[in-house]
N, C-alpha and C. Protein backbone atom coordinates (compact mmCIF):
# COMPACT_ATOMS: atom_id res chain seq x y z
N MET A 1 98.88 124.95 79.68
CA MET A 1 99.53 124.20 80.72
C MET A 1 98.42 123.37 81.64
N THR A 2 98.71 122.05 81.80
CA THR A 2 97.86 121.45 82.53
C THR A 2 98.03 121.53 84.17
N ARG A 3 96.82 122.04 84.83
CA ARG A 3 96.82 122.10 86.13
C ARG A 3 96.08 121.25 86.90
N MET A 4 95.36 120.39 86.29
CA MET A 4 94.34 119.38 86.74
C MET A 4 94.31 118.23 85.89
N ALA A 5 94.57 116.93 86.31
CA ALA A 5 94.41 115.71 85.47
C ALA A 5 93.36 115.29 86.23
N VAL A 6 92.42 114.65 85.50
CA VAL A 6 91.23 114.13 85.93
C VAL A 6 91.08 112.73 85.41
N PHE A 7 91.17 111.60 86.31
CA PHE A 7 91.37 110.29 85.88
C PHE A 7 89.94 109.79 85.91
N LEU A 8 89.24 109.03 84.98
CA LEU A 8 87.94 108.62 85.10
C LEU A 8 87.89 107.15 85.33
N GLY A 9 86.81 106.84 86.08
CA GLY A 9 86.48 105.66 86.49
C GLY A 9 85.21 105.33 87.28
N ASN A 10 85.01 104.19 87.52
CA ASN A 10 83.74 104.06 88.35
C ASN A 10 84.45 103.53 89.74
N PRO A 11 83.84 104.12 91.07
CA PRO A 11 84.37 103.62 92.36
C PRO A 11 83.79 102.06 92.67
N GLY A 12 84.36 101.50 93.44
CA GLY A 12 83.90 100.22 93.84
C GLY A 12 84.70 98.98 93.25
N ARG A 13 84.74 97.88 93.99
CA ARG A 13 85.43 96.68 93.69
C ARG A 13 84.93 96.03 92.43
N GLN A 14 83.60 96.14 92.35
CA GLN A 14 83.08 95.32 90.88
C GLN A 14 83.61 96.05 89.61
N TYR A 15 84.14 97.26 89.68
CA TYR A 15 84.71 98.01 88.48
C TYR A 15 86.13 98.12 88.37
N GLU A 16 86.72 97.64 89.47
CA GLU A 16 88.30 97.90 89.55
C GLU A 16 89.10 97.55 88.24
N ARG A 17 88.89 96.45 87.67
CA ARG A 17 89.75 96.10 86.49
C ARG A 17 89.17 96.16 85.28
N THR A 18 87.91 96.79 85.30
CA THR A 18 87.13 96.85 83.98
C THR A 18 87.82 98.04 83.02
N ARG A 19 87.28 97.86 81.81
CA ARG A 19 87.74 98.81 80.51
C ARG A 19 87.38 100.11 80.86
N HIS A 20 86.22 100.42 81.61
CA HIS A 20 85.56 101.71 81.87
C HIS A 20 86.54 102.37 82.74
N ASN A 21 87.44 101.95 83.58
CA ASN A 21 88.21 102.20 84.66
C ASN A 21 89.79 102.42 84.26
N ALA A 22 90.06 102.43 82.85
CA ALA A 22 91.35 102.65 82.25
C ALA A 22 92.00 103.95 82.87
N GLY A 23 91.11 104.91 83.16
CA GLY A 23 91.65 106.14 83.71
C GLY A 23 92.18 106.10 85.20
N TYR A 24 91.22 105.42 86.11
CA TYR A 24 91.67 105.01 87.35
C TYR A 24 93.11 104.21 87.39
N LEU A 25 92.99 103.15 86.40
CA LEU A 25 94.40 102.14 86.34
C LEU A 25 95.50 102.96 86.05
N LEU A 26 95.41 103.89 85.08
CA LEU A 26 96.64 104.73 84.69
C LEU A 26 96.98 105.63 85.95
N CYS A 27 96.09 106.30 86.54
CA CYS A 27 96.39 106.84 87.91
C CYS A 27 97.32 106.32 88.88
N SER A 28 96.79 105.16 89.21
CA SER A 28 97.43 104.14 90.02
C SER A 28 98.79 103.97 89.62
N ARG A 29 99.04 103.71 88.22
CA ARG A 29 100.34 103.19 87.99
C ARG A 29 101.33 104.66 87.81
N MET A 30 100.86 105.91 87.38
CA MET A 30 101.55 107.13 87.36
C MET A 30 101.85 107.77 88.73
N TYR A 31 101.04 107.41 89.65
CA TYR A 31 101.04 108.05 91.04
C TYR A 31 100.89 107.05 91.98
N PRO A 32 101.75 106.16 92.33
CA PRO A 32 101.38 104.88 93.13
C PRO A 32 101.70 105.41 94.68
N ASP A 33 102.46 106.50 94.96
CA ASP A 33 102.63 107.12 96.13
C ASP A 33 102.05 108.37 96.52
N ALA A 34 100.97 108.57 95.71
CA ALA A 34 100.37 109.93 95.96
C ALA A 34 99.49 109.63 97.19
N SER A 35 99.44 110.63 98.03
CA SER A 35 98.34 110.66 99.34
C SER A 35 97.15 111.32 99.05
N PHE A 36 96.31 110.60 98.89
CA PHE A 36 94.84 111.00 98.52
C PHE A 36 93.98 111.20 99.67
N SER A 37 93.30 112.34 99.45
CA SER A 37 92.20 112.65 100.59
C SER A 37 90.67 112.63 100.08
N VAL A 38 89.92 112.73 100.48
CA VAL A 38 88.38 112.74 99.86
C VAL A 38 88.19 114.30 99.78
N LYS A 39 88.02 114.89 98.63
CA LYS A 39 87.57 116.19 98.61
C LYS A 39 86.88 116.51 97.08
N PHE A 40 85.93 117.38 96.89
CA PHE A 40 85.17 117.61 95.88
C PHE A 40 84.74 116.28 95.01
N HIS A 41 84.07 115.34 96.07
CA HIS A 41 83.42 114.12 95.53
C HIS A 41 84.53 113.28 94.93
N SER A 42 85.68 113.39 95.18
CA SER A 42 86.82 112.70 94.53
C SER A 42 87.97 112.23 95.64
N ALA A 43 88.73 111.41 94.84
CA ALA A 43 90.11 111.16 95.62
C ALA A 43 90.93 112.31 95.02
N TYR A 44 91.29 113.12 95.97
CA TYR A 44 92.14 114.45 95.61
C TYR A 44 93.60 114.18 95.96
N ALA A 45 94.62 114.60 95.25
CA ALA A 45 96.10 114.96 95.74
C ALA A 45 96.58 115.74 94.79
N LYS A 46 97.57 116.26 95.30
CA LYS A 46 98.42 117.11 94.70
C LYS A 46 99.91 116.66 94.61
N VAL A 47 100.49 116.68 93.24
CA VAL A 47 101.75 116.08 92.98
C VAL A 47 102.56 117.19 92.14
N ASP A 48 103.56 117.58 92.78
CA ASP A 48 104.47 118.64 92.06
C ASP A 48 103.80 119.74 91.20
N GLY A 49 102.78 120.14 92.27
CA GLY A 49 101.88 121.22 91.63
C GLY A 49 100.81 120.93 90.73
N LEU A 50 100.70 119.60 90.49
CA LEU A 50 99.52 119.20 89.62
C LEU A 50 98.34 118.58 90.52
N VAL A 51 97.11 119.07 90.28
CA VAL A 51 96.10 118.57 91.05
C VAL A 51 95.37 117.22 90.33
N ILE A 52 95.67 116.05 91.06
CA ILE A 52 95.17 115.09 90.73
C ILE A 52 93.68 114.57 91.18
N LEU A 53 92.88 114.06 90.26
CA LEU A 53 91.51 114.07 90.72
C LEU A 53 90.91 112.60 90.06
N LYS A 54 90.36 111.81 90.96
CA LYS A 54 89.64 110.75 90.75
C LYS A 54 88.20 110.71 91.07
N PRO A 55 87.26 111.27 90.40
CA PRO A 55 85.90 111.45 90.72
C PRO A 55 85.37 110.06 91.39
N LEU A 56 84.72 110.11 92.54
CA LEU A 56 84.09 109.18 93.29
C LEU A 56 82.59 108.97 93.10
N THR A 57 82.24 109.70 92.16
CA THR A 57 80.86 109.54 91.74
C THR A 57 80.90 108.49 90.67
N LEU A 58 79.75 108.06 90.34
CA LEU A 58 79.66 106.94 89.09
C LEU A 58 80.16 107.79 87.78
N MET A 59 80.68 107.12 86.81
CA MET A 59 81.16 107.92 85.55
C MET A 59 80.28 108.77 85.00
N ASN A 60 79.00 108.47 84.99
CA ASN A 60 78.16 109.48 84.24
C ASN A 60 77.84 110.79 85.03
N LEU A 61 78.47 110.87 86.37
CA LEU A 61 78.34 111.93 87.11
C LEU A 61 79.53 112.79 87.29
N SER A 62 80.57 112.32 86.51
CA SER A 62 81.92 112.96 86.87
C SER A 62 82.03 114.32 86.79
N GLY A 63 81.05 115.18 86.26
CA GLY A 63 81.22 116.49 85.83
C GLY A 63 80.93 117.01 87.28
N THR A 64 80.10 116.53 88.19
CA THR A 64 79.92 117.26 89.26
C THR A 64 81.13 117.29 90.11
N ALA A 65 82.23 116.29 90.29
CA ALA A 65 83.41 116.30 90.90
C ALA A 65 84.38 117.42 90.17
N VAL A 66 84.38 117.31 88.89
CA VAL A 66 85.36 118.21 88.08
C VAL A 66 84.85 119.55 88.16
N SER A 67 83.75 119.86 88.16
CA SER A 67 83.17 121.51 88.13
C SER A 67 83.35 121.70 89.58
N GLU A 68 83.15 121.09 90.67
CA GLU A 68 83.58 121.72 91.86
C GLU A 68 84.84 122.03 92.26
N ALA A 69 85.86 121.09 91.74
CA ALA A 69 87.29 121.39 91.96
C ALA A 69 87.80 122.32 91.15
N ALA A 70 87.42 122.59 89.83
CA ALA A 70 87.66 123.63 88.98
C ALA A 70 87.21 125.09 89.44
N CYS A 71 86.10 124.99 90.14
CA CYS A 71 85.54 126.40 90.50
C CYS A 71 86.29 126.70 91.76
N PHE A 72 86.39 125.76 92.64
CA PHE A 72 87.07 126.18 93.99
C PHE A 72 88.71 126.63 93.76
N LEU A 73 89.23 125.80 92.89
CA LEU A 73 90.85 125.99 92.58
C LEU A 73 90.88 127.03 91.45
N ARG A 74 89.81 127.51 90.96
CA ARG A 74 90.06 128.55 89.93
C ARG A 74 90.77 128.09 88.53
N ILE A 75 90.48 126.82 88.07
CA ILE A 75 91.09 126.12 87.11
C ILE A 75 90.25 126.31 85.91
N GLY A 76 90.59 126.72 84.90
CA GLY A 76 89.71 126.78 83.62
C GLY A 76 89.83 125.54 82.73
N ALA A 77 88.80 125.45 82.06
CA ALA A 77 88.54 124.03 81.26
C ALA A 77 89.89 123.65 80.46
N ASP A 78 90.40 124.66 79.86
CA ASP A 78 91.67 124.62 79.03
C ASP A 78 92.85 124.03 79.65
N GLU A 79 92.78 124.20 81.18
CA GLU A 79 93.86 123.84 82.00
C GLU A 79 93.75 122.30 82.43
N ILE A 80 92.60 121.62 82.10
CA ILE A 80 92.21 120.31 82.67
C ILE A 80 92.59 119.31 81.56
N LEU A 81 93.18 118.10 81.79
CA LEU A 81 93.44 116.92 81.19
C LEU A 81 92.49 115.83 81.69
N VAL A 82 91.51 115.41 81.16
CA VAL A 82 90.62 114.39 81.51
C VAL A 82 91.30 113.04 80.73
N VAL A 83 91.50 111.97 81.56
CA VAL A 83 91.86 110.71 81.21
C VAL A 83 90.96 109.74 81.18
N HIS A 84 90.61 109.01 79.95
CA HIS A 84 89.23 108.08 79.86
C HIS A 84 89.70 107.25 78.91
N ASP A 85 88.76 106.20 79.03
CA ASP A 85 88.79 105.05 78.02
C ASP A 85 87.95 105.38 76.84
N ASP A 86 88.36 104.81 75.77
CA ASP A 86 87.90 105.23 74.44
C ASP A 86 87.73 104.18 73.59
N MET A 87 86.45 103.83 73.12
CA MET A 87 86.25 102.59 72.14
C MET A 87 86.62 102.94 70.91
N GLU A 88 86.91 103.92 70.45
CA GLU A 88 87.10 104.47 68.98
C GLU A 88 88.57 104.13 68.70
N LEU A 89 89.52 104.04 69.64
CA LEU A 89 90.78 103.74 69.47
C LEU A 89 91.02 101.98 69.95
N PRO A 90 91.82 101.61 69.19
CA PRO A 90 92.14 100.11 69.37
C PRO A 90 92.99 100.06 70.68
N LEU A 91 92.72 98.90 71.58
CA LEU A 91 93.39 98.64 72.63
C LEU A 91 95.05 98.76 72.25
N GLY A 92 95.71 99.40 73.19
CA GLY A 92 97.13 99.61 72.85
C GLY A 92 97.59 100.99 72.35
N GLU A 93 96.42 101.80 72.23
CA GLU A 93 96.93 103.01 71.58
C GLU A 93 96.31 104.05 72.71
N ALA A 94 97.04 105.18 72.63
CA ALA A 94 96.52 106.54 73.48
C ALA A 94 96.87 107.70 72.72
N ARG A 95 96.06 108.75 72.71
CA ARG A 95 96.14 110.07 72.02
C ARG A 95 95.75 111.17 72.75
N ILE A 96 96.28 112.36 72.67
CA ILE A 96 95.85 113.46 73.50
C ILE A 96 95.32 114.45 72.45
N GLN A 97 94.16 115.02 72.74
CA GLN A 97 93.67 116.18 72.07
C GLN A 97 92.70 117.03 72.73
N LYS A 98 92.55 118.15 72.33
CA LYS A 98 91.74 119.20 73.01
C LYS A 98 90.38 119.37 72.39
N GLY A 99 89.27 119.09 73.21
CA GLY A 99 87.99 119.06 72.73
C GLY A 99 87.74 117.87 71.93
N GLY A 100 86.85 118.15 71.10
CA GLY A 100 86.36 116.90 70.21
C GLY A 100 84.90 116.44 70.62
N GLY A 101 84.66 115.42 69.73
CA GLY A 101 83.13 114.70 69.95
C GLY A 101 83.21 113.83 71.16
N LEU A 102 81.97 113.74 71.81
CA LEU A 102 82.06 112.90 72.91
C LEU A 102 81.73 111.20 72.62
N LYS A 103 81.22 111.17 71.37
CA LYS A 103 81.34 109.58 71.04
C LYS A 103 80.46 108.87 72.05
N GLY A 104 79.61 109.41 72.49
CA GLY A 104 78.64 108.54 73.41
C GLY A 104 79.20 108.36 74.99
N HIS A 105 80.35 109.04 75.25
CA HIS A 105 80.97 108.70 76.59
C HIS A 105 80.31 109.74 77.52
N ASN A 106 79.42 109.16 78.42
CA ASN A 106 78.49 109.97 79.29
C ASN A 106 79.43 110.54 80.20
N GLY A 107 80.53 110.12 80.77
CA GLY A 107 81.53 110.86 81.80
C GLY A 107 81.91 112.17 81.14
N LEU A 108 82.36 112.07 79.92
CA LEU A 108 82.81 113.44 79.16
C LEU A 108 81.54 114.21 79.13
N ARG A 109 80.45 113.68 78.67
CA ARG A 109 79.05 114.84 78.42
C ARG A 109 78.79 115.39 79.85
N SER A 110 79.03 114.71 81.03
CA SER A 110 78.80 115.26 82.18
C SER A 110 79.93 116.17 82.51
N ILE A 111 81.00 116.10 82.18
CA ILE A 111 82.13 117.24 82.52
C ILE A 111 81.81 118.41 81.44
N ARG A 112 81.65 118.25 80.20
CA ARG A 112 81.23 119.27 79.37
C ARG A 112 80.06 120.05 79.89
N ASP A 113 79.03 119.47 80.23
CA ASP A 113 77.74 120.12 80.77
C ASP A 113 78.10 120.84 82.10
N ARG A 114 78.85 120.31 82.99
CA ARG A 114 78.87 120.94 84.21
C ARG A 114 79.93 122.06 84.06
N LEU A 115 80.90 121.93 83.21
CA LEU A 115 81.87 122.99 83.17
C LEU A 115 81.42 124.16 82.05
N GLY A 116 80.36 123.81 81.41
CA GLY A 116 80.00 124.73 80.43
C GLY A 116 80.87 125.07 79.46
N SER A 117 81.94 124.02 79.04
CA SER A 117 82.84 124.15 77.99
C SER A 117 83.35 122.54 77.54
N GLY A 118 83.63 122.49 76.46
CA GLY A 118 84.20 121.07 76.01
C GLY A 118 85.70 121.39 75.68
N ASP A 119 86.11 122.43 76.27
CA ASP A 119 87.63 122.85 75.71
C ASP A 119 88.52 122.23 76.58
N PHE A 120 88.27 121.27 77.23
CA PHE A 120 89.36 120.55 78.00
C PHE A 120 90.29 119.51 77.16
N HIS A 121 91.35 119.16 77.77
CA HIS A 121 92.20 118.28 76.95
C HIS A 121 91.71 116.94 77.49
N ARG A 122 92.06 115.94 76.58
CA ARG A 122 91.74 114.51 76.70
C ARG A 122 92.76 113.54 76.43
N LEU A 123 93.31 112.73 77.46
CA LEU A 123 94.08 111.49 76.92
C LEU A 123 93.20 110.42 76.92
N ARG A 124 92.96 110.03 75.67
CA ARG A 124 92.16 108.90 75.29
C ARG A 124 92.89 107.65 75.20
N ILE A 125 92.40 106.57 76.12
CA ILE A 125 93.05 105.23 76.21
C ILE A 125 92.28 104.39 75.52
N GLY A 126 92.85 103.72 74.41
CA GLY A 126 91.98 102.81 73.51
C GLY A 126 91.64 101.52 74.44
N ILE A 127 90.48 101.23 74.20
CA ILE A 127 90.03 100.14 74.90
C ILE A 127 89.34 99.20 73.81
N GLY A 128 89.26 99.51 72.34
CA GLY A 128 88.60 98.85 71.44
C GLY A 128 87.18 98.81 71.56
N ARG A 129 86.48 98.50 70.32
CA ARG A 129 84.87 98.31 70.35
C ARG A 129 84.71 96.89 70.22
N PRO A 130 83.61 96.42 70.89
CA PRO A 130 83.24 95.02 70.73
C PRO A 130 82.80 94.58 69.57
N VAL A 131 83.51 93.33 69.11
CA VAL A 131 82.99 92.76 67.86
C VAL A 131 81.58 92.65 67.70
N HIS A 132 81.13 91.82 68.99
CA HIS A 132 79.60 91.34 69.00
C HIS A 132 79.23 91.93 70.29
N GLY A 133 77.99 92.12 70.41
CA GLY A 133 77.36 92.24 71.86
C GLY A 133 77.21 93.71 72.33
N ASP A 134 76.77 93.78 73.48
CA ASP A 134 76.40 95.21 74.11
C ASP A 134 77.63 96.08 74.48
N VAL A 135 77.65 97.36 74.02
CA VAL A 135 78.79 98.16 74.56
C VAL A 135 78.80 98.34 76.05
N SER A 136 77.60 98.43 76.74
CA SER A 136 77.67 98.44 78.08
C SER A 136 78.37 97.40 78.78
N ASN A 137 78.17 96.18 78.22
CA ASN A 137 78.95 94.89 78.69
C ASN A 137 80.30 95.15 78.48
N HIS A 138 80.81 95.66 77.29
CA HIS A 138 81.99 95.65 77.04
C HIS A 138 82.89 96.65 77.87
N VAL A 139 82.32 97.71 78.11
CA VAL A 139 83.15 98.56 79.12
C VAL A 139 83.11 98.33 80.40
N LEU A 140 82.19 97.48 80.97
CA LEU A 140 82.20 97.07 82.35
C LEU A 140 82.63 95.73 82.60
N SER A 141 83.33 95.08 81.44
CA SER A 141 83.95 93.79 81.74
C SER A 141 85.37 94.11 81.89
N PRO A 142 85.95 93.09 82.62
CA PRO A 142 87.58 93.21 82.95
C PRO A 142 88.37 92.81 81.77
N PHE A 143 89.50 93.42 81.67
CA PHE A 143 90.51 92.93 80.54
C PHE A 143 90.97 91.58 80.63
N THR A 144 90.98 91.04 79.71
CA THR A 144 91.65 89.62 79.50
C THR A 144 93.30 89.79 79.97
N GLN A 145 93.72 88.67 80.30
CA GLN A 145 95.14 88.68 80.73
C GLN A 145 95.97 89.16 79.61
N ASP A 146 95.75 88.97 78.22
CA ASP A 146 96.63 89.41 77.25
C ASP A 146 96.35 90.81 77.06
N GLU A 147 95.09 91.16 77.18
CA GLU A 147 94.82 92.72 77.08
C GLU A 147 95.48 93.57 78.14
N GLN A 148 95.43 92.92 79.30
CA GLN A 148 96.03 93.60 80.47
C GLN A 148 97.55 93.74 80.34
N GLU A 149 98.24 92.84 79.73
CA GLU A 149 99.72 92.90 79.61
C GLU A 149 99.84 93.85 78.61
N ARG A 150 99.10 94.17 77.46
CA ARG A 150 99.13 95.05 76.47
C ARG A 150 98.98 96.42 77.02
N LEU A 151 97.93 96.66 77.98
CA LEU A 151 97.85 97.97 78.70
C LEU A 151 98.84 98.24 79.56
N ASP A 152 99.60 97.29 80.18
CA ASP A 152 100.84 97.52 80.91
C ASP A 152 101.83 98.13 80.02
N VAL A 153 102.11 97.69 79.02
CA VAL A 153 103.20 98.21 78.08
C VAL A 153 102.61 99.68 77.80
N LEU A 154 101.47 99.79 77.53
CA LEU A 154 101.05 101.16 77.11
C LEU A 154 101.05 102.10 78.08
N PHE A 155 100.80 101.69 79.42
CA PHE A 155 100.93 102.54 80.56
C PHE A 155 102.34 102.93 80.91
N ASP A 156 103.19 102.08 80.70
CA ASP A 156 104.65 102.25 81.05
C ASP A 156 105.34 103.44 80.01
N LEU A 157 104.82 103.37 78.80
CA LEU A 157 105.40 104.11 77.84
C LEU A 157 104.64 105.61 78.24
N LEU A 158 103.47 105.67 78.60
CA LEU A 158 102.77 106.97 78.88
C LEU A 158 103.47 107.59 80.15
N CYS A 159 103.90 106.76 81.40
CA CYS A 159 104.72 107.03 82.37
C CYS A 159 106.05 107.71 81.86
N ALA A 160 106.72 106.85 81.05
CA ALA A 160 107.96 107.31 80.57
C ALA A 160 107.90 108.49 79.82
N LYS A 161 106.89 108.90 79.03
CA LYS A 161 106.99 110.04 78.12
C LYS A 161 106.24 111.21 78.85
N ASP A 162 105.92 111.08 80.05
CA ASP A 162 105.52 112.16 80.92
C ASP A 162 104.01 112.73 80.11
N ALA A 163 103.00 111.86 79.95
CA ALA A 163 102.00 112.14 79.24
C ALA A 163 101.16 113.15 79.89
N MET A 164 101.10 113.41 81.16
CA MET A 164 100.50 114.66 81.67
C MET A 164 100.74 116.01 81.40
N HIS A 165 101.89 116.08 80.71
CA HIS A 165 102.39 117.44 80.36
C HIS A 165 102.64 117.32 78.74
N ALA A 166 102.23 116.48 78.05
CA ALA A 166 102.51 116.51 76.51
C ALA A 166 101.26 117.31 75.96
N ARG A 167 101.43 117.63 74.76
CA ARG A 167 100.69 118.55 73.79
C ARG A 167 99.68 117.63 73.11
N ASP A 168 98.88 118.40 72.54
CA ASP A 168 97.71 117.79 71.73
C ASP A 168 98.55 117.26 70.37
N GLY A 169 97.90 116.10 70.00
CA GLY A 169 98.43 115.37 68.99
C GLY A 169 99.41 114.22 69.25
N PHE A 170 99.81 114.32 70.50
CA PHE A 170 100.60 113.25 71.10
C PHE A 170 100.08 112.05 71.18
N ALA A 171 100.74 110.79 70.76
CA ALA A 171 100.17 109.54 70.36
C ALA A 171 101.20 108.43 70.78
N VAL A 172 100.78 107.26 71.43
CA VAL A 172 101.29 106.24 71.75
C VAL A 172 100.72 104.97 71.42
N ILE A 173 101.49 104.25 70.42
CA ILE A 173 100.86 103.15 69.89
C ILE A 173 101.66 101.85 70.39
N VAL A 174 101.17 100.65 70.94
CA VAL A 174 101.91 99.57 71.27
C VAL A 174 101.66 98.49 70.34
């Protein structure tokens, strides 16, 4: 059972609409009326018994926020769902899985290292891999208008299907 949903992103206006902030973007769509306070190096809220966490550290240090909240609230790794961007999935696709490889995602690595376990659940939001160019530039660049429209459809489906309480193997493809 999911007790804490962690939405990954980078704080700051320069990152607001970037691919790396897919987690933050979904959180805003799913919980537009949540009353957030600052706690555990995060924007923190509780909605219907679910702890919502948006780490305010940079992506690569997300484990600090997640481990502090999990320790204080006595939440185990297997009770955490981490929502993050994933270059291995095409844009418009999302999947839930437990554990798995990190595929170079430093936010996930930080969480695994700080929790001491990779047994958390993950909602992977596809952002696609760049055809040409640097991966860092790709994840830190904003979505195009067409990509944003496709992402909006995906987010609407995830909200309608209550993705925060879905089981491993859950997938949505637009």
